[in-house]
N, C-alpha and C. Protein backbone atom coordinates (compact mmCIF):
# COMPACT_ATOMS: atom_id res chain seq x y z
N UNK A 1 -4.09 4.01 -3.86
CA UNK A 1 -5.42 3.55 -3.89
C UNK A 1 -6.06 3.59 -2.52
N UNK A 2 -6.67 2.54 -2.04
CA UNK A 2 -7.37 2.52 -0.77
C UNK A 2 -6.42 2.43 0.39
N UNK A 3 -6.45 3.40 1.30
CA UNK A 3 -5.58 3.46 2.45
C UNK A 3 -5.96 2.46 3.49
N UNK A 4 -4.98 1.75 4.10
CA UNK A 4 -5.30 0.67 5.03
C UNK A 4 -6.18 1.06 6.20
N UNK A 5 -5.91 2.19 6.86
CA UNK A 5 -6.66 2.52 8.08
C UNK A 5 -8.00 3.12 7.83
N UNK A 6 -8.30 3.55 6.59
CA UNK A 6 -9.55 4.20 6.32
C UNK A 6 -10.67 3.14 6.29
N UNK A 7 -11.80 3.46 6.91
CA UNK A 7 -12.93 2.46 6.95
C UNK A 7 -14.26 3.15 6.84
N UNK A 8 -15.09 2.53 6.07
CA UNK A 8 -16.51 2.92 5.92
C UNK A 8 -17.37 1.80 6.39
N UNK A 9 -18.14 2.04 7.44
CA UNK A 9 -19.07 1.01 7.95
C UNK A 9 -20.40 1.29 7.31
N UNK A 10 -20.95 0.27 6.58
CA UNK A 10 -22.23 0.44 5.90
C UNK A 10 -23.32 -0.28 6.71
N UNK A 11 -24.36 0.44 7.08
CA UNK A 11 -25.49 -0.10 7.78
C UNK A 11 -26.73 0.12 6.92
N UNK A 12 -27.37 -0.95 6.57
CA UNK A 12 -28.49 -0.90 5.56
C UNK A 12 -29.85 -1.06 6.30
N UNK A 13 -30.25 -0.02 7.02
CA UNK A 13 -31.53 -0.09 7.76
C UNK A 13 -32.71 -0.11 6.76
N UNK A 14 -32.49 0.41 5.54
CA UNK A 14 -33.57 0.45 4.59
C UNK A 14 -33.80 -0.91 3.91
N UNK A 15 -32.92 -1.83 4.13
CA UNK A 15 -32.97 -3.18 3.50
C UNK A 15 -33.09 -3.09 2.01
N UNK A 16 -32.26 -2.17 1.42
CA UNK A 16 -32.21 -1.97 -0.02
C UNK A 16 -30.87 -2.49 -0.51
N UNK A 17 -30.91 -3.63 -1.13
CA UNK A 17 -29.61 -4.33 -1.57
C UNK A 17 -28.82 -3.49 -2.55
N UNK A 18 -29.46 -2.58 -3.30
CA UNK A 18 -28.75 -1.78 -4.32
C UNK A 18 -27.70 -0.87 -3.73
N UNK A 19 -27.77 -0.52 -2.45
CA UNK A 19 -26.81 0.42 -1.86
C UNK A 19 -25.41 -0.09 -1.80
N UNK A 20 -25.23 -1.39 -1.79
CA UNK A 20 -23.87 -1.96 -1.67
C UNK A 20 -22.98 -1.69 -2.93
N UNK A 21 -23.67 -1.41 -4.04
CA UNK A 21 -22.92 -1.19 -5.29
C UNK A 21 -22.07 0.09 -5.21
N UNK A 22 -22.34 0.94 -4.29
CA UNK A 22 -21.63 2.23 -4.16
C UNK A 22 -20.40 2.19 -3.22
N UNK A 23 -20.13 1.08 -2.63
CA UNK A 23 -19.04 0.97 -1.62
C UNK A 23 -17.69 1.38 -2.20
N UNK A 24 -17.30 0.88 -3.38
CA UNK A 24 -16.02 1.21 -3.99
C UNK A 24 -15.95 2.73 -4.28
N UNK A 25 -17.07 3.28 -4.84
CA UNK A 25 -17.09 4.70 -5.11
C UNK A 25 -16.93 5.50 -3.79
N UNK A 26 -17.59 5.08 -2.76
CA UNK A 26 -17.54 5.74 -1.47
C UNK A 26 -16.09 5.73 -0.92
N UNK A 27 -15.46 4.62 -1.07
CA UNK A 27 -14.04 4.52 -0.62
C UNK A 27 -13.18 5.54 -1.36
N UNK A 28 -13.38 5.64 -2.70
CA UNK A 28 -12.59 6.59 -3.46
C UNK A 28 -12.88 8.00 -3.05
N UNK A 29 -14.14 8.33 -2.86
CA UNK A 29 -14.59 9.67 -2.46
C UNK A 29 -13.99 10.03 -1.09
N UNK A 30 -14.11 9.09 -0.17
CA UNK A 30 -13.60 9.31 1.19
C UNK A 30 -12.08 9.54 1.18
N UNK A 31 -11.39 8.70 0.49
CA UNK A 31 -9.94 8.86 0.39
C UNK A 31 -9.55 10.14 -0.26
N UNK A 32 -10.22 10.53 -1.37
CA UNK A 32 -9.88 11.77 -2.07
C UNK A 32 -10.17 12.99 -1.16
N UNK A 33 -11.27 12.93 -0.45
CA UNK A 33 -11.63 14.06 0.44
C UNK A 33 -10.54 14.20 1.51
N UNK A 34 -10.21 13.11 2.18
CA UNK A 34 -9.18 13.17 3.27
C UNK A 34 -7.86 13.65 2.73
N UNK A 35 -7.46 13.14 1.58
CA UNK A 35 -6.16 13.53 0.99
C UNK A 35 -6.19 15.00 0.58
N UNK A 36 -7.19 15.40 -0.15
CA UNK A 36 -7.36 16.76 -0.66
C UNK A 36 -7.34 17.81 0.50
N UNK A 37 -8.00 17.45 1.60
CA UNK A 37 -8.12 18.34 2.72
C UNK A 37 -7.05 18.11 3.80
N UNK A 38 -6.07 17.25 3.44
CA UNK A 38 -4.94 16.99 4.29
C UNK A 38 -5.38 16.55 5.68
N UNK A 39 -6.31 15.59 5.73
CA UNK A 39 -6.84 15.06 6.98
C UNK A 39 -6.27 13.67 7.25
N UNK A 40 -6.51 13.18 8.47
CA UNK A 40 -6.02 11.84 8.87
C UNK A 40 -6.69 10.76 8.04
N UNK A 41 -5.83 10.06 7.24
CA UNK A 41 -6.37 8.99 6.36
C UNK A 41 -6.68 7.75 7.14
N UNK A 42 -6.36 7.69 8.42
CA UNK A 42 -6.80 6.58 9.25
C UNK A 42 -8.10 6.98 9.94
N UNK A 43 -9.10 7.26 9.15
CA UNK A 43 -10.39 7.74 9.65
C UNK A 43 -11.49 6.72 9.38
N UNK A 44 -12.49 6.76 10.22
CA UNK A 44 -13.65 5.85 10.08
C UNK A 44 -14.94 6.65 10.12
N UNK A 45 -15.88 6.22 9.30
CA UNK A 45 -17.23 6.79 9.39
C UNK A 45 -18.23 5.72 9.11
N UNK A 46 -19.46 5.99 9.47
CA UNK A 46 -20.57 5.06 9.16
C UNK A 46 -21.48 5.74 8.21
N UNK A 47 -22.00 4.97 7.26
CA UNK A 47 -23.05 5.46 6.40
C UNK A 47 -24.25 4.51 6.61
N UNK A 48 -25.35 5.12 6.97
CA UNK A 48 -26.58 4.38 7.31
C UNK A 48 -27.64 4.74 6.25
N UNK A 49 -28.03 3.73 5.53
CA UNK A 49 -29.10 3.90 4.53
C UNK A 49 -30.42 3.73 5.21
N UNK A 50 -31.32 4.69 5.06
CA UNK A 50 -32.59 4.65 5.76
C UNK A 50 -33.76 4.97 4.83
N UNK A 51 -34.95 4.72 5.28
CA UNK A 51 -36.19 5.04 4.55
C UNK A 51 -36.53 6.50 4.73
N UNK A 52 -37.39 7.04 3.88
CA UNK A 52 -37.83 8.41 4.04
C UNK A 52 -38.45 8.64 5.41
N UNK A 53 -39.20 7.68 5.90
CA UNK A 53 -39.87 7.82 7.19
C UNK A 53 -38.86 7.97 8.31
N UNK A 54 -37.80 7.13 8.22
CA UNK A 54 -36.81 7.15 9.28
C UNK A 54 -36.01 8.45 9.29
N UNK A 55 -35.63 8.94 8.08
CA UNK A 55 -34.86 10.19 8.06
C UNK A 55 -35.76 11.37 8.45
N UNK A 56 -37.07 11.28 8.26
CA UNK A 56 -38.03 12.28 8.71
C UNK A 56 -37.97 12.31 10.25
N UNK A 57 -38.07 11.16 10.90
CA UNK A 57 -38.00 11.10 12.35
C UNK A 57 -36.68 11.70 12.85
N UNK A 58 -35.58 11.37 12.24
CA UNK A 58 -34.24 11.84 12.68
C UNK A 58 -34.20 13.39 12.52
N UNK A 59 -34.70 13.86 11.38
CA UNK A 59 -34.70 15.29 11.10
C UNK A 59 -35.54 16.06 12.14
N UNK A 60 -36.71 15.51 12.45
CA UNK A 60 -37.60 16.11 13.42
C UNK A 60 -36.99 16.09 14.84
N UNK A 61 -36.45 14.91 15.21
CA UNK A 61 -35.91 14.74 16.55
C UNK A 61 -34.64 15.55 16.83
N UNK A 62 -33.71 15.59 15.89
CA UNK A 62 -32.39 16.23 16.12
C UNK A 62 -32.28 17.60 15.53
N UNK A 63 -33.07 17.93 14.56
CA UNK A 63 -32.94 19.27 13.91
C UNK A 63 -34.20 20.10 14.01
N UNK A 64 -35.25 19.54 14.58
CA UNK A 64 -36.57 20.25 14.69
C UNK A 64 -37.10 20.69 13.32
N UNK A 65 -36.85 19.89 12.34
CA UNK A 65 -37.36 20.12 10.99
C UNK A 65 -38.26 18.97 10.65
N UNK A 66 -39.57 19.25 10.50
CA UNK A 66 -40.56 18.18 10.40
C UNK A 66 -40.85 17.74 8.97
N UNK A 67 -39.81 17.18 8.33
CA UNK A 67 -39.93 16.67 7.02
C UNK A 67 -38.78 15.71 6.71
N UNK A 68 -38.94 14.90 5.72
CA UNK A 68 -37.88 14.07 5.26
C UNK A 68 -36.84 14.91 4.55
N UNK A 69 -35.62 14.43 4.51
CA UNK A 69 -34.54 15.11 3.80
C UNK A 69 -33.68 14.01 3.05
N UNK A 70 -32.69 14.45 2.35
CA UNK A 70 -31.91 13.46 1.60
C UNK A 70 -30.73 12.88 2.37
N UNK A 71 -30.05 13.71 3.15
CA UNK A 71 -28.85 13.28 3.85
C UNK A 71 -28.72 14.09 5.15
N UNK A 72 -28.32 13.43 6.22
CA UNK A 72 -28.03 14.13 7.48
C UNK A 72 -26.72 13.50 8.03
N UNK A 73 -25.87 14.40 8.48
CA UNK A 73 -24.57 13.96 9.04
C UNK A 73 -24.47 14.37 10.52
N UNK A 74 -23.92 13.48 11.30
CA UNK A 74 -23.68 13.74 12.71
C UNK A 74 -22.16 13.56 12.95
N UNK A 75 -21.48 14.69 13.08
CA UNK A 75 -20.04 14.63 13.32
C UNK A 75 -19.78 14.30 14.81
N UNK A 76 -18.84 13.42 15.04
CA UNK A 76 -18.47 13.07 16.42
C UNK A 76 -17.53 14.08 17.00
N UNK A 77 -16.84 14.80 16.14
CA UNK A 77 -15.77 15.71 16.64
C UNK A 77 -15.98 17.10 16.09
N UNK A 78 -17.07 17.76 16.51
CA UNK A 78 -17.33 19.10 16.07
C UNK A 78 -16.20 20.04 16.43
N UNK A 79 -15.77 19.93 17.70
CA UNK A 79 -14.66 20.75 18.16
C UNK A 79 -13.75 19.95 19.07
N UNK A 80 -12.61 19.54 18.55
CA UNK A 80 -11.73 18.74 19.31
C UNK A 80 -10.51 19.54 19.80
N UNK A 81 -10.63 20.87 19.70
CA UNK A 81 -9.48 21.71 20.04
C UNK A 81 -9.02 21.60 21.45
N UNK A 82 -9.92 21.27 22.42
CA UNK A 82 -9.45 21.16 23.79
C UNK A 82 -8.92 19.74 24.10
N UNK A 83 -9.02 18.85 23.19
CA UNK A 83 -8.55 17.48 23.43
C UNK A 83 -7.23 17.28 22.69
N UNK A 84 -6.32 16.63 23.37
CA UNK A 84 -5.05 16.25 22.75
C UNK A 84 -4.92 14.74 22.83
N UNK A 85 -5.67 14.08 21.95
CA UNK A 85 -5.68 12.63 21.96
C UNK A 85 -4.79 12.16 20.83
N UNK A 86 -3.85 11.31 21.12
CA UNK A 86 -2.98 10.75 20.05
C UNK A 86 -3.60 9.43 19.60
N UNK A 87 -4.66 9.51 18.85
CA UNK A 87 -5.30 8.34 18.34
C UNK A 87 -4.83 7.97 16.99
N UNK A 88 -4.68 6.70 16.71
CA UNK A 88 -4.29 6.28 15.39
C UNK A 88 -5.45 6.43 14.44
N UNK A 89 -6.63 6.04 14.91
CA UNK A 89 -7.81 6.11 14.09
C UNK A 89 -8.76 7.19 14.55
N UNK A 90 -9.25 7.98 13.62
CA UNK A 90 -10.12 9.05 13.94
C UNK A 90 -11.60 8.71 13.52
N UNK A 91 -12.50 8.69 14.47
CA UNK A 91 -13.91 8.43 14.13
C UNK A 91 -14.56 9.75 13.81
N UNK A 92 -15.06 9.87 12.58
CA UNK A 92 -15.64 11.11 12.15
C UNK A 92 -17.12 11.26 12.45
N UNK A 93 -17.92 10.18 12.38
CA UNK A 93 -19.32 10.30 12.68
C UNK A 93 -20.18 9.47 11.72
N UNK A 94 -21.41 9.81 11.62
CA UNK A 94 -22.41 9.05 10.86
C UNK A 94 -23.01 9.92 9.81
N UNK A 95 -23.30 9.27 8.65
CA UNK A 95 -24.00 9.87 7.56
C UNK A 95 -25.26 9.02 7.28
N UNK A 96 -26.42 9.63 7.43
CA UNK A 96 -27.71 8.98 7.08
C UNK A 96 -28.14 9.38 5.73
N UNK A 97 -28.38 8.38 4.84
CA UNK A 97 -28.82 8.68 3.45
C UNK A 97 -30.17 8.05 3.23
N UNK A 98 -31.09 8.90 2.76
CA UNK A 98 -32.44 8.49 2.40
C UNK A 98 -32.40 7.77 1.03
N UNK A 99 -32.66 6.43 1.01
CA UNK A 99 -32.55 5.69 -0.24
C UNK A 99 -33.54 6.14 -1.28
N UNK A 100 -34.74 6.59 -0.85
CA UNK A 100 -35.70 7.10 -1.82
C UNK A 100 -35.23 8.40 -2.47
N UNK A 101 -34.56 9.22 -1.69
CA UNK A 101 -34.04 10.50 -2.19
C UNK A 101 -33.02 10.27 -3.35
N UNK A 102 -32.24 9.20 -3.24
CA UNK A 102 -31.28 8.86 -4.30
C UNK A 102 -32.05 8.74 -5.63
N UNK A 103 -33.09 7.95 -5.61
CA UNK A 103 -33.88 7.72 -6.81
C UNK A 103 -34.62 8.99 -7.28
N UNK A 104 -35.29 9.66 -6.37
CA UNK A 104 -36.08 10.82 -6.71
C UNK A 104 -35.22 11.97 -7.27
N UNK A 105 -34.08 12.26 -6.61
CA UNK A 105 -33.26 13.37 -6.97
C UNK A 105 -32.45 13.06 -8.26
N UNK A 106 -32.05 11.81 -8.44
CA UNK A 106 -31.36 11.47 -9.69
C UNK A 106 -32.31 11.75 -10.85
N UNK A 107 -33.56 11.40 -10.71
CA UNK A 107 -34.52 11.62 -11.77
C UNK A 107 -34.76 13.15 -11.96
N UNK A 108 -34.98 13.86 -10.90
CA UNK A 108 -35.26 15.28 -11.07
C UNK A 108 -34.09 16.10 -11.51
N UNK A 109 -32.87 15.69 -11.17
CA UNK A 109 -31.65 16.41 -11.62
C UNK A 109 -31.14 15.87 -12.98
N UNK A 110 -31.73 14.78 -13.45
CA UNK A 110 -31.38 14.25 -14.74
C UNK A 110 -29.99 13.60 -14.76
N UNK A 111 -29.55 13.01 -13.67
CA UNK A 111 -28.26 12.28 -13.69
C UNK A 111 -28.49 10.87 -13.10
N UNK A 112 -27.43 10.06 -13.09
CA UNK A 112 -27.53 8.68 -12.68
C UNK A 112 -27.77 8.50 -11.23
N UNK A 113 -28.28 7.34 -10.87
CA UNK A 113 -28.43 6.95 -9.45
C UNK A 113 -27.08 6.98 -8.78
N UNK A 114 -26.07 6.47 -9.48
CA UNK A 114 -24.71 6.44 -8.96
C UNK A 114 -24.21 7.85 -8.61
N UNK A 115 -24.42 8.83 -9.54
CA UNK A 115 -23.96 10.19 -9.26
C UNK A 115 -24.67 10.75 -8.04
N UNK A 116 -25.99 10.52 -7.90
CA UNK A 116 -26.72 11.09 -6.79
C UNK A 116 -26.26 10.38 -5.49
N UNK A 117 -26.14 9.09 -5.50
CA UNK A 117 -25.69 8.35 -4.28
C UNK A 117 -24.30 8.86 -3.83
N UNK A 118 -23.45 9.09 -4.83
CA UNK A 118 -22.10 9.57 -4.53
C UNK A 118 -22.10 11.03 -4.06
N UNK A 119 -22.97 11.81 -4.67
CA UNK A 119 -23.09 13.25 -4.27
C UNK A 119 -23.53 13.32 -2.80
N UNK A 120 -24.56 12.56 -2.45
CA UNK A 120 -25.09 12.62 -1.09
C UNK A 120 -24.04 12.12 -0.07
N UNK A 121 -23.29 11.08 -0.41
CA UNK A 121 -22.21 10.64 0.47
C UNK A 121 -21.11 11.72 0.59
N UNK A 122 -20.70 12.26 -0.52
CA UNK A 122 -19.64 13.28 -0.50
C UNK A 122 -20.09 14.48 0.31
N UNK A 123 -21.33 14.90 0.18
CA UNK A 123 -21.93 16.01 0.91
C UNK A 123 -21.83 15.72 2.40
N UNK A 124 -22.18 14.48 2.76
CA UNK A 124 -22.11 14.06 4.19
C UNK A 124 -20.73 14.06 4.73
N UNK A 125 -19.77 13.55 3.93
CA UNK A 125 -18.36 13.50 4.35
C UNK A 125 -17.90 14.90 4.62
N UNK A 126 -18.14 15.83 3.73
CA UNK A 126 -17.72 17.19 3.94
C UNK A 126 -18.29 17.80 5.22
N UNK A 127 -19.53 17.52 5.50
CA UNK A 127 -20.12 17.95 6.76
C UNK A 127 -19.35 17.38 7.94
N UNK A 128 -19.02 16.07 7.90
CA UNK A 128 -18.26 15.44 8.97
C UNK A 128 -16.89 16.08 9.16
N UNK A 129 -16.34 16.64 8.03
CA UNK A 129 -15.05 17.27 8.11
C UNK A 129 -15.12 18.73 8.42
N UNK A 130 -16.31 19.19 8.79
CA UNK A 130 -16.45 20.58 9.28
C UNK A 130 -16.97 21.63 8.28
N UNK A 131 -17.35 21.22 7.13
CA UNK A 131 -17.87 22.14 6.13
C UNK A 131 -19.37 22.27 6.27
N UNK A 132 -19.88 23.45 5.89
CA UNK A 132 -21.33 23.65 5.85
C UNK A 132 -21.66 24.63 4.78
N UNK A 133 -22.96 24.90 4.59
CA UNK A 133 -23.42 25.78 3.56
C UNK A 133 -24.44 26.77 4.07
N UNK A 134 -24.11 27.32 5.28
CA UNK A 134 -25.07 28.26 5.92
C UNK A 134 -24.95 29.67 5.30
N UNK A 135 -23.75 30.07 4.82
CA UNK A 135 -23.62 31.35 4.17
C UNK A 135 -23.29 31.13 2.68
N UNK A 136 -23.51 32.10 1.83
CA UNK A 136 -23.21 31.95 0.41
C UNK A 136 -21.71 31.60 0.17
N UNK A 137 -20.82 32.17 0.96
CA UNK A 137 -19.38 31.89 0.83
C UNK A 137 -19.09 30.43 1.16
N UNK A 138 -19.66 29.96 2.30
CA UNK A 138 -19.46 28.54 2.73
C UNK A 138 -20.05 27.62 1.73
N UNK A 139 -21.18 27.96 1.19
CA UNK A 139 -21.86 27.11 0.20
C UNK A 139 -20.98 26.99 -1.03
N UNK A 140 -20.47 28.12 -1.50
CA UNK A 140 -19.65 28.10 -2.67
C UNK A 140 -18.41 27.22 -2.46
N UNK A 141 -17.76 27.36 -1.28
CA UNK A 141 -16.57 26.55 -1.01
C UNK A 141 -16.94 25.06 -0.92
N UNK A 142 -18.01 24.75 -0.24
CA UNK A 142 -18.40 23.30 -0.04
C UNK A 142 -18.77 22.68 -1.36
N UNK A 143 -19.57 23.41 -2.18
CA UNK A 143 -20.03 22.87 -3.40
C UNK A 143 -18.92 22.71 -4.46
N UNK A 144 -17.94 23.63 -4.42
CA UNK A 144 -16.80 23.47 -5.36
C UNK A 144 -15.93 22.30 -4.93
N UNK A 145 -15.80 22.08 -3.61
CA UNK A 145 -15.07 20.86 -3.14
C UNK A 145 -15.78 19.61 -3.58
N UNK A 146 -17.13 19.58 -3.48
CA UNK A 146 -17.87 18.44 -3.93
C UNK A 146 -17.60 18.12 -5.40
N UNK A 147 -17.64 19.14 -6.21
CA UNK A 147 -17.33 18.92 -7.66
C UNK A 147 -15.94 18.40 -7.85
N UNK A 148 -14.97 19.03 -7.19
CA UNK A 148 -13.59 18.63 -7.28
C UNK A 148 -13.37 17.18 -6.89
N UNK A 149 -14.02 16.72 -5.88
CA UNK A 149 -13.93 15.32 -5.39
C UNK A 149 -14.61 14.38 -6.31
N UNK A 150 -15.85 14.74 -6.73
CA UNK A 150 -16.67 13.81 -7.48
C UNK A 150 -16.42 13.72 -8.96
N UNK A 151 -16.09 14.75 -9.62
CA UNK A 151 -16.14 14.81 -11.08
C UNK A 151 -15.26 13.79 -11.79
N UNK A 152 -14.12 13.41 -11.22
CA UNK A 152 -13.31 12.43 -11.90
C UNK A 152 -13.59 10.96 -11.38
N UNK A 153 -14.48 10.85 -10.41
CA UNK A 153 -14.87 9.55 -9.85
C UNK A 153 -16.16 9.08 -10.51
N UNK A 154 -17.13 10.00 -10.63
CA UNK A 154 -18.45 9.61 -11.22
C UNK A 154 -18.97 10.80 -12.08
N UNK A 155 -19.36 10.49 -13.30
CA UNK A 155 -19.80 11.51 -14.25
C UNK A 155 -21.11 12.09 -13.79
N UNK A 156 -21.33 13.34 -14.23
CA UNK A 156 -22.57 14.02 -13.92
C UNK A 156 -23.71 13.44 -14.73
């Protein structure tokens, strides 16, 4: 079940109480992703729930994209190859999730709020673990991993 060293720090900047209901799902997703990808299970990440306005600011400031988005991840360890740190706990980074996007996208994709909240979190986790979707091959790999991680945790 839940590994002792694994930690998800939840920061609710959006002041939306509904986000706390996803914590157990997020723990399962995080553990499954780390185990499946053979990564350090003593890992920590933060998930920050924000408003559309705040994620728009972040997107504009850090990615030069002047619009709101659904999820943005900031990995702390993009390339750790030159470091040889024997740390027990690995800090992966931050995932910012737009709370309004959870509602809007669940409705437009025709699935539950829970599925969308879990999808956005899983997408963010995979970005923190070094995956992206810049090429069709990378997109196919990342999206199939998302399905593999999510499908037995939360129904479509």
